Structure formats: structure tokens, C-alpha cells
Amino acid sequence: MDKQQILDQIKRIAAGGRGRVPGWQAFAAATGARKAGWYPHTWLLWGDALTEAGYAKNEFQTRMSECLVFR
């Protein structure tokens, strides 16, 4: 899969997921494309691919406040 095909697939998956962009593992599961197809020669970070496709990078999940967990 070349660079433009990957970008097109990111856009397709995001459109089907109501704008939610896939992580690289979800992308691989949905398309059958392997990480070796883009890393490291096309993009070093998956967030760079998302940015190039026109989306914001995914954010890491943060720890929830204990008062929210134990209520």
C-alpha cells in the first residue's frame, strides 16, 4: 500500500467512524496493512500520518481522578 492509499484509507475509516480517526492497530485490523508498510520510511509516527491526512493526532488516555472512580 503506498502513501496516498494509506491516507485515503485513513479518511475512509474516519468518515465511517463519524470523524474518529483510527489508531495504527485499528487501521491495520481494518485494512490488512502492516505497520512495516509505513514505518519508518514514510512516517516515523502514526500521528504524522493522521496529520497529513488532515486530522488531529490521537491523544493518550490519562489517569482518571480517584474521586470520579470511587463515587
N, C-alpha and C. Protein backbone atom coordinates (compact mmCIF):
# COMPACT_ATOMS: atom_id res chain seq x y z
N MET A 1 0.86 -1.17 0.00
CA MET A 1 0.00 0.00 0.00
C MET A 1 0.91 1.23 0.00
N ASP A 2 0.70 2.12 -0.94
CA ASP A 2 1.55 3.31 -1.00
C ASP A 2 0.99 4.42 -0.09
N LYS A 3 1.74 5.51 0.00
CA LYS A 3 1.41 6.60 0.90
C LYS A 3 0.01 7.16 0.65
N GLN A 4 -0.34 7.43 -0.59
CA GLN A 4 -1.65 8.01 -0.90
C GLN A 4 -2.78 7.03 -0.57
N GLN A 5 -2.57 5.76 -0.79
CA GLN A 5 -3.59 4.76 -0.44
C GLN A 5 -3.82 4.73 1.06
N ILE A 6 -2.74 4.83 1.83
CA ILE A 6 -2.88 4.85 3.29
C ILE A 6 -3.67 6.08 3.73
N LEU A 7 -3.34 7.24 3.17
CA LEU A 7 -4.07 8.46 3.52
C LEU A 7 -5.54 8.35 3.15
N ASP A 8 -5.82 7.77 1.99
CA ASP A 8 -7.21 7.59 1.56
C ASP A 8 -7.96 6.65 2.50
N GLN A 9 -7.29 5.59 2.95
CA GLN A 9 -7.92 4.65 3.87
C GLN A 9 -8.17 5.27 5.24
N ILE A 10 -7.24 6.11 5.70
CA ILE A 10 -7.45 6.83 6.97
C ILE A 10 -8.72 7.68 6.86
N LYS A 11 -8.85 8.39 5.75
CA LYS A 11 -10.03 9.25 5.55
C LYS A 11 -11.31 8.42 5.46
N ARG A 12 -11.24 7.26 4.80
CA ARG A 12 -12.41 6.39 4.67
C ARG A 12 -12.85 5.87 6.04
N ILE A 13 -11.89 5.43 6.84
CA ILE A 13 -12.21 4.89 8.16
C ILE A 13 -12.75 6.00 9.07
N ALA A 14 -12.15 7.18 8.99
CA ALA A 14 -12.62 8.30 9.82
C ALA A 14 -14.04 8.70 9.43
N ALA A 15 -14.34 8.68 8.14
CA ALA A 15 -15.69 9.03 7.69
C ALA A 15 -16.70 8.00 8.18
N GLY A 16 -16.33 6.75 8.18
CA GLY A 16 -17.22 5.69 8.66
C GLY A 16 -17.36 5.67 10.17
N GLY A 17 -16.39 6.24 10.86
CA GLY A 17 -16.41 6.27 12.31
C GLY A 17 -16.83 7.61 12.87
N ARG A 18 -17.63 8.36 12.09
CA ARG A 18 -18.13 9.68 12.49
C ARG A 18 -17.00 10.64 12.85
N GLY A 19 -15.94 10.61 12.05
CA GLY A 19 -14.84 11.54 12.24
C GLY A 19 -13.77 11.08 13.20
N ARG A 20 -13.99 9.95 13.84
CA ARG A 20 -13.00 9.43 14.77
C ARG A 20 -11.91 8.72 13.97
N VAL A 21 -10.68 9.16 14.13
CA VAL A 21 -9.58 8.59 13.36
C VAL A 21 -9.06 7.32 14.03
N PRO A 22 -8.58 6.38 13.23
CA PRO A 22 -8.10 5.12 13.79
C PRO A 22 -6.68 5.23 14.32
N GLY A 23 -6.39 4.48 15.35
CA GLY A 23 -5.01 4.26 15.76
C GLY A 23 -4.37 3.32 14.75
N TRP A 24 -3.06 3.13 14.81
CA TRP A 24 -2.43 2.30 13.78
C TRP A 24 -2.85 0.85 13.89
N GLN A 25 -3.15 0.37 15.09
CA GLN A 25 -3.58 -1.02 15.22
C GLN A 25 -4.99 -1.22 14.65
N ALA A 26 -5.88 -0.28 14.90
CA ALA A 26 -7.23 -0.36 14.32
C ALA A 26 -7.16 -0.23 12.81
N PHE A 27 -6.26 0.63 12.33
CA PHE A 27 -6.06 0.79 10.89
C PHE A 27 -5.59 -0.54 10.27
N ALA A 28 -4.64 -1.18 10.92
CA ALA A 28 -4.12 -2.44 10.41
C ALA A 28 -5.21 -3.52 10.40
N ALA A 29 -6.03 -3.55 11.44
CA ALA A 29 -7.10 -4.54 11.51
C ALA A 29 -8.15 -4.30 10.42
N ALA A 30 -8.43 -3.03 10.13
CA ALA A 30 -9.47 -2.70 9.16
C ALA A 30 -9.01 -2.87 7.71
N THR A 31 -7.72 -2.68 7.47
CA THR A 31 -7.23 -2.68 6.09
C THR A 31 -6.33 -3.86 5.74
N GLY A 32 -5.79 -4.51 6.74
CA GLY A 32 -4.82 -5.59 6.49
C GLY A 32 -3.42 -5.07 6.22
N ALA A 33 -3.25 -3.75 6.25
CA ALA A 33 -1.93 -3.14 6.05
C ALA A 33 -1.10 -3.31 7.32
N ARG A 34 0.16 -3.58 7.14
CA ARG A 34 1.03 -3.77 8.29
C ARG A 34 1.79 -2.49 8.60
N LYS A 35 2.22 -2.37 9.84
CA LYS A 35 3.00 -1.21 10.25
C LYS A 35 4.27 -1.08 9.41
N ALA A 36 4.84 -2.19 9.01
CA ALA A 36 6.06 -2.18 8.21
C ALA A 36 5.84 -1.50 6.86
N GLY A 37 4.60 -1.33 6.45
CA GLY A 37 4.31 -0.67 5.19
C GLY A 37 4.48 0.84 5.23
N TRP A 38 4.50 1.41 6.42
CA TRP A 38 4.65 2.87 6.53
C TRP A 38 5.75 3.30 7.48
N TYR A 39 6.12 2.44 8.40
CA TYR A 39 7.13 2.78 9.41
C TYR A 39 8.45 2.15 9.06
N PRO A 40 9.55 2.82 9.14
CA PRO A 40 9.83 4.22 9.41
C PRO A 40 10.09 5.05 8.16
N HIS A 41 10.00 4.44 6.99
CA HIS A 41 10.39 5.14 5.77
C HIS A 41 9.37 6.19 5.29
N THR A 42 8.10 6.04 5.61
CA THR A 42 7.11 7.04 5.20
C THR A 42 6.79 7.98 6.35
N TRP A 43 6.44 7.44 7.50
CA TRP A 43 6.20 8.23 8.71
C TRP A 43 6.87 7.55 9.88
N LEU A 44 7.45 8.34 10.75
CA LEU A 44 8.06 7.80 11.95
C LEU A 44 7.01 7.58 13.03
N LEU A 45 5.99 8.45 13.02
CA LEU A 45 4.91 8.36 14.00
C LEU A 45 3.57 8.27 13.28
N TRP A 46 2.65 7.48 13.82
CA TRP A 46 1.33 7.36 13.22
C TRP A 46 0.60 8.70 13.24
N GLY A 47 0.84 9.49 14.26
CA GLY A 47 0.23 10.82 14.34
C GLY A 47 0.61 11.70 13.16
N ASP A 48 1.80 11.49 12.61
CA ASP A 48 2.21 12.25 11.43
C ASP A 48 1.36 11.87 10.22
N ALA A 49 1.02 10.60 10.11
CA ALA A 49 0.15 10.15 9.02
C ALA A 49 -1.25 10.76 9.18
N LEU A 50 -1.75 10.79 10.41
CA LEU A 50 -3.06 11.38 10.67
C LEU A 50 -3.07 12.87 10.35
N THR A 51 -2.00 13.56 10.72
CA THR A 51 -1.89 14.99 10.43
C THR A 51 -1.87 15.23 8.93
N GLU A 52 -1.11 14.43 8.21
CA GLU A 52 -1.03 14.59 6.76
C GLU A 52 -2.37 14.29 6.09
N ALA A 53 -3.17 13.41 6.71
CA ALA A 53 -4.49 13.11 6.18
C ALA A 53 -5.51 14.20 6.53
N GLY A 54 -5.10 15.16 7.37
CA GLY A 54 -5.98 16.27 7.70
C GLY A 54 -6.68 16.15 9.04
N TYR A 55 -6.20 15.28 9.90
CA TYR A 55 -6.83 15.06 11.21
C TYR A 55 -5.86 15.39 12.32
N ALA A 56 -6.39 15.59 13.51
CA ALA A 56 -5.56 15.81 14.68
C ALA A 56 -5.03 14.47 15.17
N LYS A 57 -3.87 14.50 15.79
CA LYS A 57 -3.29 13.28 16.35
C LYS A 57 -4.17 12.76 17.47
N ASN A 58 -4.20 11.45 17.64
CA ASN A 58 -4.91 10.86 18.77
C ASN A 58 -4.17 11.23 20.05
N GLU A 59 -4.91 11.41 21.13
CA GLU A 59 -4.31 11.73 22.42
C GLU A 59 -4.26 10.48 23.28
N PHE A 60 -3.23 10.42 24.12
CA PHE A 60 -3.13 9.31 25.05
C PHE A 60 -4.22 9.45 26.11
N GLN A 61 -4.69 8.32 26.60
CA GLN A 61 -5.65 8.38 27.70
C GLN A 61 -4.89 8.73 28.97
N THR A 62 -5.51 9.55 29.78
CA THR A 62 -4.88 9.95 31.03
C THR A 62 -5.56 9.27 32.20
N ARG A 63 -4.91 9.29 33.30
CA ARG A 63 -5.46 8.69 34.51
C ARG A 63 -6.67 9.47 34.98
N MET A 64 -7.71 8.75 35.38
CA MET A 64 -8.91 9.40 35.89
C MET A 64 -8.70 9.80 37.35
N SER A 65 -9.37 10.84 37.75
CA SER A 65 -9.31 11.29 39.14
C SER A 65 -9.93 10.21 40.03
N GLU A 66 -9.34 10.00 41.20
CA GLU A 66 -9.86 8.97 42.12
C GLU A 66 -11.27 9.30 42.58
N CYS A 67 -11.60 10.58 42.71
CA CYS A 67 -12.95 10.92 43.15
C CYS A 67 -13.98 10.55 42.09
N LEU A 68 -13.60 10.50 40.83
CA LEU A 68 -14.52 10.07 39.79
C LEU A 68 -14.69 8.55 39.76
N VAL A 69 -13.62 7.85 40.09
CA VAL A 69 -13.63 6.40 40.03
C VAL A 69 -14.42 5.80 41.19
N PHE A 70 -14.29 6.37 42.37
CA PHE A 70 -14.87 5.76 43.56
C PHE A 70 -16.19 6.35 43.99
N ARG A 71 -16.81 7.15 43.18
CA ARG A 71 -18.11 7.71 43.56
C ARG A 71 -19.21 6.72 43.40
